[in-house]
PDB file of all heavy atoms in Angstrom:
ATOM      1  N   ILE A   1      24.321   5.646 142.330  1.00  0.00           N
ATOM      2  CA  ILE A   1      24.463   7.107 142.127  1.00  0.00           C
ATOM      3  C   ILE A   1      23.645   7.471 140.875  1.00  0.00           C
ATOM      4  O   ILE A   1      23.793   6.846 139.810  1.00  0.00           O
ATOM      5  CB  ILE A   1      25.902   7.547 141.985  1.00  0.00           C
ATOM      6  CG1 ILE A   1      26.688   7.237 143.261  1.00  0.00           C
ATOM      7  CG2 ILE A   1      25.950   9.037 141.697  1.00  0.00           C
ATOM      8  CD1 ILE A   1      28.053   7.810 143.339  1.00  0.00           C
ATOM      9  N   VAL A   2      22.745   8.483 140.998  1.00  0.00           N
ATOM     10  CA  VAL A   2      21.895   8.807 139.895  1.00  0.00           C
ATOM     11  C   VAL A   2      22.067  10.256 139.502  1.00  0.00           C
ATOM     12  O   VAL A   2      22.296  11.121 140.364  1.00  0.00           O
ATOM     13  CB  VAL A   2      20.408   8.545 140.125  1.00  0.00           C
ATOM     14  CG1 VAL A   2      20.179   7.077 140.450  1.00  0.00           C
ATOM     15  CG2 VAL A   2      19.886   9.386 141.234  1.00  0.00           C
ATOM     16  N   SER A   3      22.024  10.544 138.210  1.00  0.00           N
ATOM     17  CA  SER A   3      22.124  11.876 137.696  1.00  0.00           C
ATOM     18  C   SER A   3      21.116  12.042 136.575  1.00  0.00           C
ATOM     19  O   SER A   3      21.304  11.402 135.486  1.00  0.00           O
ATOM     20  CB  SER A   3      23.550  12.154 137.141  1.00  0.00           C
ATOM     21  OG  SER A   3      23.599  13.429 136.554  1.00  0.00           O
ATOM     22  N   THR A   4      20.017  12.781 136.826  1.00  0.00           N
ATOM     23  CA  THR A   4      18.974  12.897 135.745  1.00  0.00           C
ATOM     24  C   THR A   4      18.917  14.356 135.314  1.00  0.00           C
ATOM     25  O   THR A   4      19.021  15.279 136.112  1.00  0.00           O
ATOM     26  CB  THR A   4      17.620  12.438 136.237  1.00  0.00           C
ATOM     27  OG1 THR A   4      17.264  13.213 137.412  1.00  0.00           O
ATOM     28  CG2 THR A   4      17.671  10.974 136.575  1.00  0.00           C
ATOM     29  N   GLY A   5      18.692  14.591 134.032  1.00  0.00           N
ATOM     30  CA  GLY A   5      18.504  15.918 133.485  1.00  0.00           C
ATOM     31  C   GLY A   5      19.732  16.810 133.618  1.00  0.00           C
ATOM     32  O   GLY A   5      19.591  18.039 133.720  1.00  0.00           O
ATOM     33  N   VAL A   6      20.950  16.241 133.624  1.00  0.00           N
ATOM     34  CA  VAL A   6      22.161  17.015 133.821  1.00  0.00           C
ATOM     35  C   VAL A   6      23.122  16.931 132.633  1.00  0.00           C
ATOM     36  O   VAL A   6      23.676  17.943 132.200  1.00  0.00           O
ATOM     37  CB  VAL A   6      22.914  16.534 135.077  1.00  0.00           C
ATOM     38  CG1 VAL A   6      24.227  17.259 135.242  1.00  0.00           C
ATOM     39  CG2 VAL A   6      22.079  16.766 136.329  1.00  0.00           C
ATOM     40  N   SER A   7      23.266  15.789 132.014  1.00  0.00           N
ATOM     41  CA  SER A   7      24.310  15.524 131.038  1.00  0.00           C
ATOM     42  C   SER A   7      24.291  16.487 129.893  1.00  0.00           C
ATOM     43  O   SER A   7      25.333  16.863 129.307  1.00  0.00           O
ATOM     44  CB  SER A   7      24.284  14.077 130.570  1.00  0.00           C
ATOM     45  OG  SER A   7      23.052  13.819 129.851  1.00  0.00           O
ATOM     46  N   MET A   8      23.075  16.885 129.439  1.00  0.00           N
ATOM     47  CA  MET A   8      22.966  17.728 128.246  1.00  0.00           C
ATOM     48  C   MET A   8      23.493  19.164 128.476  1.00  0.00           C
ATOM     49  O   MET A   8      23.835  19.895 127.542  1.00  0.00           O
ATOM     50  CB  MET A   8      21.522  17.755 127.761  1.00  0.00           C
ATOM     51  CG  MET A   8      20.526  18.421 128.646  1.00  0.00           C
ATOM     52  SD  MET A   8      19.977  17.209 129.874  1.00  0.00           S
ATOM     53  CE  MET A   8      18.340  17.897 130.265  1.00  0.00           C
ATOM     54  N   TYR A   9      23.608  19.584 129.758  1.00  0.00           N
ATOM     55  CA  TYR A   9      24.144  20.886 130.078  1.00  0.00           C
ATOM     56  C   TYR A   9      25.661  20.896 130.245  1.00  0.00           C
ATOM     57  O   TYR A   9      26.276  21.944 130.495  1.00  0.00           O
ATOM     58  CB  TYR A   9      23.490  21.445 131.349  1.00  0.00           C
ATOM     59  CG  TYR A   9      21.993  21.626 131.241  1.00  0.00           C
ATOM     60  CD1 TYR A   9      21.122  20.824 131.966  1.00  0.00           C
ATOM     61  CD2 TYR A   9      21.432  22.498 130.341  1.00  0.00           C
ATOM     62  CE1 TYR A   9      19.700  20.945 131.923  1.00  0.00           C
ATOM     63  CE2 TYR A   9      20.059  22.667 130.243  1.00  0.00           C
ATOM     64  CZ  TYR A   9      19.215  21.836 131.029  1.00  0.00           C
ATOM     65  OH  TYR A   9      17.827  22.022 130.925  1.00  0.00           O
ATOM     66  N   LEU A  10      26.226  19.729 130.188  1.00  0.00           N
ATOM     67  CA  LEU A  10      27.706  19.602 130.351  1.00  0.00           C
ATOM     68  C   LEU A  10      28.340  19.299 129.000  1.00  0.00           C
ATOM     69  O   LEU A  10      27.744  18.733 128.100  1.00  0.00           O
ATOM     70  CB  LEU A  10      28.037  18.442 131.312  1.00  0.00           C
ATOM     71  CG  LEU A  10      27.326  18.501 132.684  1.00  0.00           C
ATOM     72  CD1 LEU A  10      27.699  17.211 133.480  1.00  0.00           C
ATOM     73  CD2 LEU A  10      27.726  19.754 133.427  1.00  0.00           C
ATOM     74  N   THR A  11      29.583  19.687 128.899  1.00  0.00           N
ATOM     75  CA  THR A  11      30.355  19.347 127.646  1.00  0.00           C
ATOM     76  C   THR A  11      30.625  17.829 127.625  1.00  0.00           C
ATOM     77  O   THR A  11      30.510  17.184 128.685  1.00  0.00           O
ATOM     78  CB  THR A  11      31.691  20.070 127.560  1.00  0.00           C
ATOM     79  OG1 THR A  11      32.504  19.625 128.725  1.00  0.00           O
ATOM     80  CG2 THR A  11      31.500  21.558 127.639  1.00  0.00           C
ATOM     81  N   LYS A  12      30.952  17.282 126.490  1.00  0.00           N
ATOM     82  CA  LYS A  12      31.256  15.848 126.389  1.00  0.00           C
ATOM     83  C   LYS A  12      32.486  15.513 127.186  1.00  0.00           C
ATOM     84  O   LYS A  12      32.590  14.485 127.794  1.00  0.00           O
ATOM     85  CB  LYS A  12      31.348  15.460 124.925  1.00  0.00           C
ATOM     86  CG  LYS A  12      30.031  15.512 124.160  1.00  0.00           C
ATOM     87  CD  LYS A  12      30.009  14.746 122.895  1.00  0.00           C
ATOM     88  CE  LYS A  12      28.594  14.770 122.323  1.00  0.00           C
ATOM     89  NZ  LYS A  12      28.479  14.007 121.058  1.00  0.00           N
ATOM     90  N   GLU A  13      33.396  16.496 127.246  1.00  0.00           N
ATOM     91  CA  GLU A  13      34.657  16.237 128.057  1.00  0.00           C
ATOM     92  C   GLU A  13      34.318  16.120 129.528  1.00  0.00           C
ATOM     93  O   GLU A  13      34.803  15.269 130.238  1.00  0.00           O
ATOM     94  CB  GLU A  13      35.633  17.415 127.832  1.00  0.00           C
ATOM     95  CG  GLU A  13      36.292  17.412 126.441  1.00  0.00           C
ATOM     96  CD  GLU A  13      35.326  18.039 125.411  1.00  0.00           C
ATOM     97  OE1 GLU A  13      34.351  18.671 125.729  1.00  0.00           O
ATOM     98  OE2 GLU A  13      35.620  17.817 124.194  1.00  0.00           O
ATOM     99  N   THR A  14      33.387  17.029 129.997  1.00  0.00           N
ATOM    100  CA  THR A  14      32.980  16.962 131.434  1.00  0.00           C
ATOM    101  C   THR A  14      32.188  15.716 131.709  1.00  0.00           C
ATOM    102  O   THR A  14      32.368  15.072 132.777  1.00  0.00           O
ATOM    103  CB  THR A  14      32.162  18.207 131.762  1.00  0.00           C
ATOM    104  OG1 THR A  14      32.932  19.361 131.518  1.00  0.00           O
ATOM    105  CG2 THR A  14      31.716  18.169 133.252  1.00  0.00           C
ATOM    106  N   ASN A  15      31.365  15.280 130.763  1.00  0.00           N
ATOM    107  CA  ASN A  15      30.612  14.032 130.918  1.00  0.00           C
ATOM    108  C   ASN A  15      31.582  12.853 131.028  1.00  0.00           C
ATOM    109  O   ASN A  15      31.391  11.916 131.866  1.00  0.00           O
ATOM    110  CB  ASN A  15      29.644  13.794 129.785  1.00  0.00           C
ATOM    111  CG  ASN A  15      28.310  14.495 129.989  1.00  0.00           C
ATOM    112  OD1 ASN A  15      27.588  14.209 130.946  1.00  0.00           O
ATOM    113  ND2 ASN A  15      28.016  15.447 129.098  1.00  0.00           N
ATOM    114  N   MET A  16      32.632  12.880 130.216  1.00  0.00           N
ATOM    115  CA  MET A  16      33.640  11.774 130.264  1.00  0.00           C
ATOM    116  C   MET A  16      34.338  11.799 131.618  1.00  0.00           C
ATOM    117  O   MET A  16      34.571  10.764 132.204  1.00  0.00           O
ATOM    118  CB  MET A  16      34.625  11.964 129.108  1.00  0.00           C
ATOM    119  CG  MET A  16      35.651  10.801 129.011  1.00  0.00           C
ATOM    120  SD  MET A  16      34.772   9.242 128.662  1.00  0.00           S
ATOM    121  CE  MET A  16      36.147   8.096 128.757  1.00  0.00           C
ATOM    122  N   THR A  17      34.710  12.995 132.079  1.00  0.00           N
ATOM    123  CA  THR A  17      35.377  13.051 133.374  1.00  0.00           C
ATOM    124  C   THR A  17      34.474  12.488 134.505  1.00  0.00           C
ATOM    125  O   THR A  17      34.930  11.800 135.437  1.00  0.00           O
ATOM    126  CB  THR A  17      35.687  14.534 133.740  1.00  0.00           C
ATOM    127  OG1 THR A  17      36.555  15.023 132.716  1.00  0.00           O
ATOM    128  CG2 THR A  17      36.356  14.689 135.079  1.00  0.00           C
ATOM    129  N   THR A  18      33.192  12.810 134.406  1.00  0.00           N
ATOM    130  CA  THR A  18      32.224  12.297 135.390  1.00  0.00           C
ATOM    131  C   THR A  18      32.163  10.766 135.331  1.00  0.00           C
ATOM    132  O   THR A  18      32.186  10.077 136.391  1.00  0.00           O
ATOM    133  CB  THR A  18      30.816  12.849 135.148  1.00  0.00           C
ATOM    134  OG1 THR A  18      30.840  14.239 135.270  1.00  0.00           O
ATOM    135  CG2 THR A  18      29.793  12.269 136.159  1.00  0.00           C
ATOM    136  N   LEU A  19      32.119  10.164 134.143  1.00  0.00           N
ATOM    137  CA  LEU A  19      32.119   8.725 133.978  1.00  0.00           C
ATOM    138  C   LEU A  19      33.369   8.109 134.536  1.00  0.00           C
ATOM    139  O   LEU A  19      33.313   7.052 135.166  1.00  0.00           O
ATOM    140  CB  LEU A  19      31.923   8.364 132.475  1.00  0.00           C
ATOM    141  CG  LEU A  19      30.544   8.615 131.889  1.00  0.00           C
ATOM    142  CD1 LEU A  19      30.584   8.542 130.352  1.00  0.00           C
ATOM    143  CD2 LEU A  19      29.513   7.627 132.458  1.00  0.00           C
ATOM    144  N   GLN A  20      34.493   8.718 134.265  1.00  0.00           N
ATOM    145  CA  GLN A  20      35.776   8.192 134.798  1.00  0.00           C
ATOM    146  C   GLN A  20      35.799   8.201 136.308  1.00  0.00           C
ATOM    147  O   GLN A  20      36.210   7.231 136.964  1.00  0.00           O
ATOM    148  CB  GLN A  20      36.915   8.985 134.249  1.00  0.00           C
ATOM    149  CG  GLN A  20      37.171   8.782 132.765  1.00  0.00           C
ATOM    150  CD  GLN A  20      38.156   9.770 132.177  1.00  0.00           C
ATOM    151  OE1 GLN A  20      38.293  10.879 132.678  1.00  0.00           O
ATOM    152  NE2 GLN A  20      38.850   9.364 131.075  1.00  0.00           N
ATOM    153  N   GLN A  21      35.221   9.243 136.874  1.00  0.00           N
ATOM    154  CA  GLN A  21      35.122   9.335 138.330  1.00  0.00           C
ATOM    155  C   GLN A  21      34.216   8.288 138.870  1.00  0.00           C
ATOM    156  O   GLN A  21      34.510   7.627 139.902  1.00  0.00           O
ATOM    157  CB  GLN A  21      34.538  10.730 138.669  1.00  0.00           C
ATOM    158  CG  GLN A  21      34.778  11.202 140.101  1.00  0.00           C
ATOM    159  CD  GLN A  21      34.370  12.656 140.317  1.00  0.00           C
ATOM    160  OE1 GLN A  21      33.687  13.256 139.435  1.00  0.00           O
ATOM    161  NE2 GLN A  21      34.773  13.218 141.401  1.00  0.00           N
ATOM    162  N   MET A  22      33.042   8.057 138.248  1.00  0.00           N
ATOM    163  CA  MET A  22      32.122   7.108 138.686  1.00  0.00           C
ATOM    164  C   MET A  22      32.635   5.619 138.507  1.00  0.00           C
ATOM    165  O   MET A  22      32.265   4.757 139.331  1.00  0.00           O
ATOM    166  CB  MET A  22      30.789   7.221 137.911  1.00  0.00           C
ATOM    167  CG  MET A  22      30.066   8.525 138.145  1.00  0.00           C
ATOM    168  SD  MET A  22      29.631   8.782 139.844  1.00  0.00           S
ATOM    169  CE  MET A  22      28.866  10.416 139.718  1.00  0.00           C
ATOM    170  N   ALA A  23      33.500   5.429 137.538  1.00  0.00           N
ATOM    171  CA  ALA A  23      33.961   4.085 137.312  1.00  0.00           C
ATOM    172  C   ALA A  23      34.917   3.621 138.423  1.00  0.00           C
ATOM    173  O   ALA A  23      35.238   2.422 138.536  1.00  0.00           O
ATOM    174  CB  ALA A  23      34.705   3.972 135.965  1.00  0.00           C
ATOM    175  N   LYS A  24      35.357   4.566 139.285  1.00  0.00           N
ATOM    176  CA  LYS A  24      36.219   4.221 140.404  1.00  0.00           C
ATOM    177  C   LYS A  24      35.431   3.873 141.664  1.00  0.00           C
ATOM    178  O   LYS A  24      36.052   3.583 142.704  1.00  0.00           O
ATOM    179  CB  LYS A  24      37.187   5.412 140.692  1.00  0.00           C
ATOM    180  CG  LYS A  24      38.138   5.728 139.538  1.00  0.00           C
ATOM    181  CD  LYS A  24      38.958   6.983 139.805  1.00  0.00           C
ATOM    182  CE  LYS A  24      39.836   7.362 138.634  1.00  0.00           C
ATOM    183  NZ  LYS A  24      40.514   8.649 138.799  1.00  0.00           N
ATOM    184  N   LEU A  25      34.119   3.870 141.567  1.00  0.00           N
ATOM    185  CA  LEU A  25      33.292   3.520 142.747  1.00  0.00           C
ATOM    186  C   LEU A  25      33.569   2.036 143.114  1.00  0.00           C
ATOM    187  O   LEU A  25      34.072   1.262 142.306  1.00  0.00           O
ATOM    188  CB  LEU A  25      31.833   3.690 142.397  1.00  0.00           C
ATOM    189  CG  LEU A  25      31.301   5.128 142.289  1.00  0.00           C
ATOM    190  CD1 LEU A  25      29.950   5.134 141.591  1.00  0.00           C
ATOM    191  CD2 LEU A  25      31.216   5.806 143.627  1.00  0.00           C
ATOM    192  N   ALA A  26      33.247   1.712 144.329  1.00  0.00           N
ATOM    193  CA  ALA A  26      33.473   0.304 144.828  1.00  0.00           C
ATOM    194  C   ALA A  26      32.737  -0.639 143.956  1.00  0.00           C
ATOM    195  O   ALA A  26      31.715  -0.382 143.327  1.00  0.00           O
ATOM    196  CB  ALA A  26      32.974   0.222 146.304  1.00  0.00           C
TER     197      ALA A  26
END
C-alpha cells in the first residue's frame, strides 16, 4: 500500500491513525 504526497496535509494524529490501521494488514 503506497501513499505519496499526502502525509503533510494531515495532522500528526491522523497520520498515527493511518499507521495503526496499516499495521493491521496481513
